[in-house]
C-alpha cells in the first residue's frame, strides 16, 4: 500500500476507534486541577530505553505503525537527551531527537521536552509538558501525560505487561483524570500486535 494511503487509512481507523471508545465509556468530567506527578522521580533510574505500549493518538505519531520507542540519556549539564523512534507504515525507521529539562525540582517528575523545529516545543525553558504520573515497582512501567491531559503514554521496559500490571496502569489513568478508552494499544514486536482502546484490551 502507498505510504500516503496507509496513513489515511490509519487516520480513519483511529477516528473510528475513538468514536467507539466514546460510546463504550464517556469521557468523565476532568478535575479542575492538573494531574499530580509522582511524589519523587529518580532520574537516574528513569533513564534508558522504554517501549510505548499504549498512547492517546497525536498528530505527530500517526505515521508510526509499530515499535515506538523512547530513549533517555543523561547530558553533562543535567538535562536529558531524548530520542523517539518508530517503524513507519512503509517499513522504514522514523526518529526525532530533542532534550528534556526538569521543571519541578521538588518531585523531579515534571519536565519540559523540546524538539528543534517543532512549533511550541522548541525551547527547554517553557512550562512542563511531560508529567510522570505513575510508576511501576522498580520502574518497570510509567504513565506520562501533560498538565492539560491532552497526551498520554504507557511506557514499559519490556514489550509486554502482565494482566496485573495492566490493571494498575488503568487505575493510574483513572487517577490522573483521564479516560482509558482514549488510549490505544501500540503494536510492538514481541508484544501486542493490535490497536485497541485500552478499556477493551
C-alpha atoms as a PDB file:
ATOM      1  CA  UNK A   1       0.000   0.000   0.000  1.00  0.00           C
ATOM      2  CA  UNK A   2       1.233   3.503  -0.796  1.00  0.00           C
ATOM      3  CA  UNK A   3       2.501   5.224   2.387  1.00  0.00           C
ATOM      4  CA  UNK A   4       0.125   8.157   1.940  1.00  0.00           C
ATOM      5  CA  UNK A   5      -2.836   5.842   1.516  1.00  0.00           C
ATOM      6  CA  UNK A   6      -1.718   3.807   4.514  1.00  0.00           C
ATOM      7  CA  UNK A   7      -1.520   6.957   6.625  1.00  0.00           C
ATOM      8  CA  UNK A   8      -5.007   7.986   5.539  1.00  0.00           C
ATOM      9  CA  UNK A   9      -6.265   4.518   6.444  1.00  0.00           C
ATOM     10  CA  UNK A  10      -4.673   4.820   9.869  1.00  0.00           C
ATOM     11  CA  UNK A  11      -6.269   8.220  10.455  1.00  0.00           C
ATOM     12  CA  UNK A  12      -9.685   6.809   9.585  1.00  0.00           C
ATOM     13  CA  UNK A  13      -9.064   3.761  11.791  1.00  0.00           C
ATOM     14  CA  UNK A  14      -8.004   5.917  14.722  1.00  0.00           C
ATOM     15  CA  UNK A  15     -11.075   8.126  14.291  1.00  0.00           C
ATOM     16  CA  UNK A  16     -13.336   5.070  14.231  1.00  0.00           C
ATOM     17  CA  UNK A  17     -11.682   3.567  17.279  1.00  0.00           C
ATOM     18  CA  UNK A  18     -12.000   6.802  19.194  1.00  0.00           C
ATOM     19  CA  UNK A  19     -15.654   7.084  18.248  1.00  0.00           C
ATOM     20  CA  UNK A  20     -16.184   3.563  19.529  1.00  0.00           C
ATOM     21  CA  UNK A  21     -14.274   4.345  22.689  1.00  0.00           C
ATOM     22  CA  UNK A  22     -16.515   7.297  23.424  1.00  0.00           C
ATOM     23  CA  UNK A  23     -19.545   5.054  23.054  1.00  0.00           C
ATOM     24  CA  UNK A  24     -18.035   2.429  25.365  1.00  0.00           C
ATOM     25  CA  UNK A  25     -17.215   4.905  28.098  1.00  0.00           C
ATOM     26  CA  UNK A  26     -18.000   8.594  28.023  1.00  0.00           C
ATOM     27  CA  UNK A  27     -15.101  10.830  28.958  1.00  0.00           C
ATOM     28  CA  UNK A  28     -15.555  11.801  32.599  1.00  0.00           C
ATOM     29  CA  UNK A  29     -15.515  15.421  33.652  1.00  0.00           C
ATOM     30  CA  UNK A  30     -11.934  16.486  34.137  1.00  0.00           C
ATOM     31  CA  UNK A  31     -10.819  17.628  37.569  1.00  0.00           C
ATOM     32  CA  UNK A  32     -10.314  21.359  37.932  1.00  0.00           C
ATOM     33  CA  UNK A  33      -6.632  20.899  38.807  1.00  0.00           C
ATOM     34  CA  UNK A  34      -3.954  19.282  36.701  1.00  0.00           C
ATOM     35  CA  UNK A  35      -2.784  15.686  37.109  1.00  0.00           C
ATOM     36  CA  UNK A  36      -0.475  15.033  40.039  1.00  0.00           C
ATOM     37  CA  UNK A  37       3.077  13.886  39.336  1.00  0.00           C
ATOM     38  CA  UNK A  38       4.605  11.056  41.328  1.00  0.00           C
ATOM     39  CA  UNK A  39       5.993  12.173  44.684  1.00  0.00           C
ATOM     40  CA  UNK A  40       9.601  11.671  43.628  1.00  0.00           C
ATOM     41  CA  UNK A  41      11.235  10.626  40.366  1.00  0.00           C
ATOM     42  CA  UNK A  42      14.732   9.163  40.477  1.00  0.00           C
ATOM     43  CA  UNK A  43      16.003  10.406  37.133  1.00  0.00           C
ATOM     44  CA  UNK A  44      18.967   8.027  37.086  1.00  0.00           C
ATOM     45  CA  UNK A  45      16.580   5.062  37.344  1.00  0.00           C
ATOM     46  CA  UNK A  46      14.202   6.549  34.781  1.00  0.00           C
ATOM     47  CA  UNK A  47      16.856   6.952  32.094  1.00  0.00           C
ATOM     48  CA  UNK A  48      17.271   4.286  29.450  1.00  0.00           C
ATOM     49  CA  UNK A  49      15.002   2.651  26.884  1.00  0.00           C
ATOM     50  CA  UNK A  50      11.218   2.414  27.032  1.00  0.00           C
ATOM     51  CA  UNK A  51       8.640   0.727  24.803  1.00  0.00           C
ATOM     52  CA  UNK A  52       5.388   2.595  24.135  1.00  0.00           C
ATOM     53  CA  UNK A  53       2.614   0.066  24.791  1.00  0.00           C
ATOM     54  CA  UNK A  54      -0.363   2.444  24.532  1.00  0.00           C
ATOM     55  CA  UNK A  55      -0.970   6.107  23.862  1.00  0.00           C
ATOM     56  CA  UNK A  56      -3.592   8.763  23.238  1.00  0.00           C
ATOM     57  CA  UNK A  57      -3.233   9.332  19.450  1.00  0.00           C
ATOM     58  CA  UNK A  58      -1.419  12.521  18.471  1.00  0.00           C
ATOM     59  CA  UNK A  59      -0.915  14.036  15.029  1.00  0.00           C
ATOM     60  CA  UNK A  60       2.847  13.520  15.220  1.00  0.00           C
ATOM     61  CA  UNK A  61       2.647   9.738  15.673  1.00  0.00           C
ATOM     62  CA  UNK A  62       0.053   8.812  13.040  1.00  0.00           C
ATOM     63  CA  UNK A  63       2.909   7.786  10.745  1.00  0.00           C
ATOM     64  CA  UNK A  64       4.108   5.196  13.274  1.00  0.00           C
ATOM     65  CA  UNK A  65       2.894   1.671  12.607  1.00  0.00           C
ATOM     66  CA  UNK A  66       4.685  -0.161  15.418  1.00  0.00           C
ATOM     67  CA  UNK A  67       7.699  -0.419  17.717  1.00  0.00           C
ATOM     68  CA  UNK A  68       7.565   3.093  19.110  1.00  0.00           C
ATOM     69  CA  UNK A  69      10.470   3.608  21.487  1.00  0.00           C
ATOM     70  CA  UNK A  70      11.849   6.356  23.718  1.00  0.00           C
ATOM     71  CA  UNK A  71      15.475   6.527  24.798  1.00  0.00           C
ATOM     72  CA  UNK A  72      16.600   8.910  27.532  1.00  0.00           C
ATOM     73  CA  UNK A  73      20.275   9.643  28.196  1.00  0.00           C
ATOM     74  CA  UNK A  74      21.869  11.971  30.744  1.00  0.00           C
ATOM     75  CA  UNK A  75      23.630  15.071  29.414  1.00  0.00           C
ATOM     76  CA  UNK A  76      26.608  16.705  31.169  1.00  0.00           C
ATOM     77  CA  UNK A  77      24.570  19.825  32.065  1.00  0.00           C
ATOM     78  CA  UNK A  78      21.905  17.818  33.897  1.00  0.00           C
ATOM     79  CA  UNK A  79      19.416  17.798  31.030  1.00  0.00           C
ATOM     80  CA  UNK A  80      18.295  14.635  29.246  1.00  0.00           C
ATOM     81  CA  UNK A  81      18.872  13.699  25.610  1.00  0.00           C
ATOM     82  CA  UNK A  82      15.672  12.341  24.048  1.00  0.00           C
ATOM     83  CA  UNK A  83      15.441  10.028  21.041  1.00  0.00           C
ATOM     84  CA  UNK A  84      11.980   8.885  19.944  1.00  0.00           C
ATOM     85  CA  UNK A  85      11.758   6.321  17.144  1.00  0.00           C
ATOM     86  CA  UNK A  86       9.271   4.016  15.451  1.00  0.00           C
ATOM     87  CA  UNK A  87       8.705   1.834  12.426  1.00  0.00           C
ATOM     88  CA  UNK A  88       6.520   3.579   9.852  1.00  0.00           C
ATOM     89  CA  UNK A  89       3.754   2.077   7.722  1.00  0.00           C
ATOM     90  CA  UNK A  90       6.279   1.940   4.870  1.00  0.00           C
ATOM     91  CA  UNK A  91       8.592  -0.208   6.995  1.00  0.00           C
ATOM     92  CA  UNK A  92      11.209   2.495   7.479  1.00  0.00           C
ATOM     93  CA  UNK A  93      12.526   3.908  10.745  1.00  0.00           C
ATOM     94  CA  UNK A  94      11.451   7.386  11.747  1.00  0.00           C
ATOM     95  CA  UNK A  95      13.036   9.275  14.619  1.00  0.00           C
ATOM     96  CA  UNK A  96      13.203  12.647  16.275  1.00  0.00           C
ATOM     97  CA  UNK A  97      15.810  13.887  18.723  1.00  0.00           C
ATOM     98  CA  UNK A  98      15.424  16.521  21.388  1.00  0.00           C
ATOM     99  CA  UNK A  99      16.105  17.198  25.031  1.00  0.00           C
ATOM    100  CA  UNK A 100      14.277  17.387  28.353  1.00  0.00           C
ATOM    101  CA  UNK A 101      14.780  19.503  31.450  1.00  0.00           C
ATOM    102  CA  UNK A 102      13.335  19.055  34.931  1.00  0.00           C
ATOM    103  CA  UNK A 103      10.992  21.974  35.706  1.00  0.00           C
ATOM    104  CA  UNK A 104       9.943  20.794  39.157  1.00  0.00           C
ATOM    105  CA  UNK A 105      12.940  20.216  41.458  1.00  0.00           C
ATOM    106  CA  UNK A 106      10.615  19.177  44.300  1.00  0.00           C
ATOM    107  CA  UNK A 107       9.434  15.945  42.656  1.00  0.00           C
ATOM    108  CA  UNK A 108      11.667  15.801  39.583  1.00  0.00           C
ATOM    109  CA  UNK A 109       8.662  14.343  37.766  1.00  0.00           C
ATOM    110  CA  UNK A 110       7.603  17.374  35.724  1.00  0.00           C
ATOM    111  CA  UNK A 111       9.803  18.005  32.708  1.00  0.00           C
ATOM    112  CA  UNK A 112       9.901  20.188  29.653  1.00  0.00           C
ATOM    113  CA  UNK A 113      10.647  18.234  26.470  1.00  0.00           C
ATOM    114  CA  UNK A 114      11.759  20.231  23.437  1.00  0.00           C
ATOM    115  CA  UNK A 115      12.375  19.265  19.828  1.00  0.00           C
ATOM    116  CA  UNK A 116      14.141  21.614  17.374  1.00  0.00           C
ATOM    117  CA  UNK A 117      11.831  22.774  14.618  1.00  0.00           C
ATOM    118  CA  UNK A 118       8.624  21.638  16.346  1.00  0.00           C
ATOM    119  CA  UNK A 119       6.289  24.628  16.913  1.00  0.00           C
ATOM    120  CA  UNK A 120       5.583  25.413  20.591  1.00  0.00           C
ATOM    121  CA  UNK A 121       8.188  22.795  21.616  1.00  0.00           C
ATOM    122  CA  UNK A 122      11.464  24.410  20.591  1.00  0.00           C
ATOM    123  CA  UNK A 123      12.523  25.763  23.992  1.00  0.00           C
ATOM    124  CA  UNK A 124      13.509  23.936  27.169  1.00  0.00           C
ATOM    125  CA  UNK A 125      12.574  26.994  29.205  1.00  0.00           C
ATOM    126  CA  UNK A 126       8.812  26.666  28.813  1.00  0.00           C
ATOM    127  CA  UNK A 127       6.326  25.150  31.263  1.00  0.00           C
ATOM    128  CA  UNK A 128       6.271  21.391  31.891  1.00  0.00           C
ATOM    129  CA  UNK A 129       4.747  19.302  29.111  1.00  0.00           C
ATOM    130  CA  UNK A 130       5.821  15.847  30.356  1.00  0.00           C
ATOM    131  CA  UNK A 131       4.451  14.639  33.699  1.00  0.00           C
ATOM    132  CA  UNK A 132       5.236  11.233  35.109  1.00  0.00           C
ATOM    133  CA  UNK A 133       2.015  10.482  36.985  1.00  0.00           C
ATOM    134  CA  UNK A 134       2.597   6.825  37.904  1.00  0.00           C
ATOM    135  CA  UNK A 135       5.468   4.375  38.126  1.00  0.00           C
ATOM    136  CA  UNK A 136       5.544   0.613  38.466  1.00  0.00           C
ATOM    137  CA  UNK A 137       7.762  -1.143  41.008  1.00  0.00           C
ATOM    138  CA  UNK A 138      11.432  -0.957  40.042  1.00  0.00           C
ATOM    139  CA  UNK A 139      10.477   1.496  37.285  1.00  0.00           C
ATOM    140  CA  UNK A 140       9.122  -1.331  35.122  1.00  0.00           C
ATOM    141  CA  UNK A 141       6.364   0.845  33.631  1.00  0.00           C
ATOM    142  CA  UNK A 142       5.372   4.504  33.641  1.00  0.00           C
ATOM    143  CA  UNK A 143       2.343   6.628  32.834  1.00  0.00           C
ATOM    144  CA  UNK A 144       3.099  10.010  31.277  1.00  0.00           C
ATOM    145  CA  UNK A 145       0.716  12.854  30.443  1.00  0.00           C
ATOM    146  CA  UNK A 146       0.748  16.663  30.369  1.00  0.00           C
ATOM    147  CA  UNK A 147      -0.855  19.375  32.536  1.00  0.00           C
ATOM    148  CA  UNK A 148      -3.880  19.608  30.203  1.00  0.00           C
ATOM    149  CA  UNK A 149      -4.296  15.818  29.837  1.00  0.00           C
ATOM    150  CA  UNK A 150      -4.134  16.099  26.054  1.00  0.00           C
ATOM    151  CA  UNK A 151      -1.454  13.453  25.685  1.00  0.00           C
ATOM    152  CA  UNK A 152      -0.935  10.115  27.362  1.00  0.00           C
ATOM    153  CA  UNK A 153       1.674   7.389  27.079  1.00  0.00           C
ATOM    154  CA  UNK A 154       2.049   3.980  28.715  1.00  0.00           C
ATOM    155  CA  UNK A 155       5.752   3.138  28.746  1.00  0.00           C
ATOM    156  CA  UNK A 156       7.344  -0.169  29.684  1.00  0.00           C
ATOM    157  CA  UNK A 157      10.857  -1.557  29.953  1.00  0.00           C
ATOM    158  CA  UNK A 158       9.652  -4.751  28.256  1.00  0.00           C
ATOM    159  CA  UNK A 159       7.403  -5.204  25.192  1.00  0.00           C
ATOM    160  CA  UNK A 160       4.732  -6.874  27.353  1.00  0.00           C
ATOM    161  CA  UNK A 161       2.986  -6.210  30.657  1.00  0.00           C
ATOM    162  CA  UNK A 162       1.256  -8.816  32.798  1.00  0.00           C
ATOM    163  CA  UNK A 163      -2.522  -8.574  33.302  1.00  0.00           C
ATOM    164  CA  UNK A 164      -1.976  -7.345  36.863  1.00  0.00           C
ATOM    165  CA  UNK A 165       0.324  -4.591  35.608  1.00  0.00           C
ATOM    166  CA  UNK A 166      -2.228  -3.514  33.008  1.00  0.00           C
ATOM    167  CA  UNK A 167      -4.779  -3.287  35.800  1.00  0.00           C
ATOM    168  CA  UNK A 168      -2.502  -0.925  37.716  1.00  0.00           C
ATOM    169  CA  UNK A 169      -1.955   1.140  34.571  1.00  0.00           C
ATOM    170  CA  UNK A 170      -5.714   1.559  34.051  1.00  0.00           C
ATOM    171  CA  UNK A 171      -6.136   2.557  37.703  1.00  0.00           C
ATOM    172  CA  UNK A 172      -3.350   5.122  37.279  1.00  0.00           C
ATOM    173  CA  UNK A 173      -5.038   6.534  34.171  1.00  0.00           C
ATOM    174  CA  UNK A 174      -8.287   6.939  36.112  1.00  0.00           C
ATOM    175  CA  UNK A 175      -6.465   8.629  38.998  1.00  0.00           C
ATOM    176  CA  UNK A 176      -4.832  11.038  36.554  1.00  0.00           C
ATOM    177  CA  UNK A 177      -8.321  12.140  35.456  1.00  0.00           C
ATOM    178  CA  UNK A 178      -8.075  10.538  32.020  1.00  0.00           C
ATOM    179  CA  UNK A 179     -10.227   8.033  30.156  1.00  0.00           C
ATOM    180  CA  UNK A 180      -8.549   4.677  29.382  1.00  0.00           C
ATOM    181  CA  UNK A 181     -10.834   4.317  26.358  1.00  0.00           C
ATOM    182  CA  UNK A 182      -8.890   7.140  24.679  1.00  0.00           C
ATOM    183  CA  UNK A 183      -5.642   5.200  24.956  1.00  0.00           C
ATOM    184  CA  UNK A 184      -4.959   2.861  22.031  1.00  0.00           C
ATOM    185  CA  UNK A 185      -2.593  -0.078  22.353  1.00  0.00           C
ATOM    186  CA  UNK A 186       0.578   0.200  20.274  1.00  0.00           C
ATOM    187  CA  UNK A 187       1.781  -2.780  18.213  1.00  0.00           C
ATOM    188  CA  UNK A 188       5.196  -3.888  19.482  1.00  0.00           C
ATOM    189  CA  UNK A 189       7.399  -6.720  18.247  1.00  0.00           C
ATOM    190  CA  UNK A 190       7.366  -9.344  20.983  1.00  0.00           C
ATOM    191  CA  UNK A 191       4.180  -7.908  22.465  1.00  0.00           C
ATOM    192  CA  UNK A 192       0.675  -6.956  21.338  1.00  0.00           C
ATOM    193  CA  UNK A 193       0.038  -6.668  17.617  1.00  0.00           C
ATOM    194  CA  UNK A 194      -3.320  -4.881  17.726  1.00  0.00           C
ATOM    195  CA  UNK A 195      -4.634  -1.322  18.025  1.00  0.00           C
ATOM    196  CA  UNK A 196      -7.428  -1.441  20.589  1.00  0.00           C
ATOM    197  CA  UNK A 197      -8.895   1.050  23.089  1.00  0.00           C
ATOM    198  CA  UNK A 198      -7.289   0.238  26.411  1.00  0.00           C
ATOM    199  CA  UNK A 199     -10.666  -0.083  28.129  1.00  0.00           C
ATOM    200  CA  UNK A 200     -11.417  -3.038  25.806  1.00  0.00           C
ATOM    201  CA  UNK A 201      -7.939  -4.566  25.724  1.00  0.00           C
END
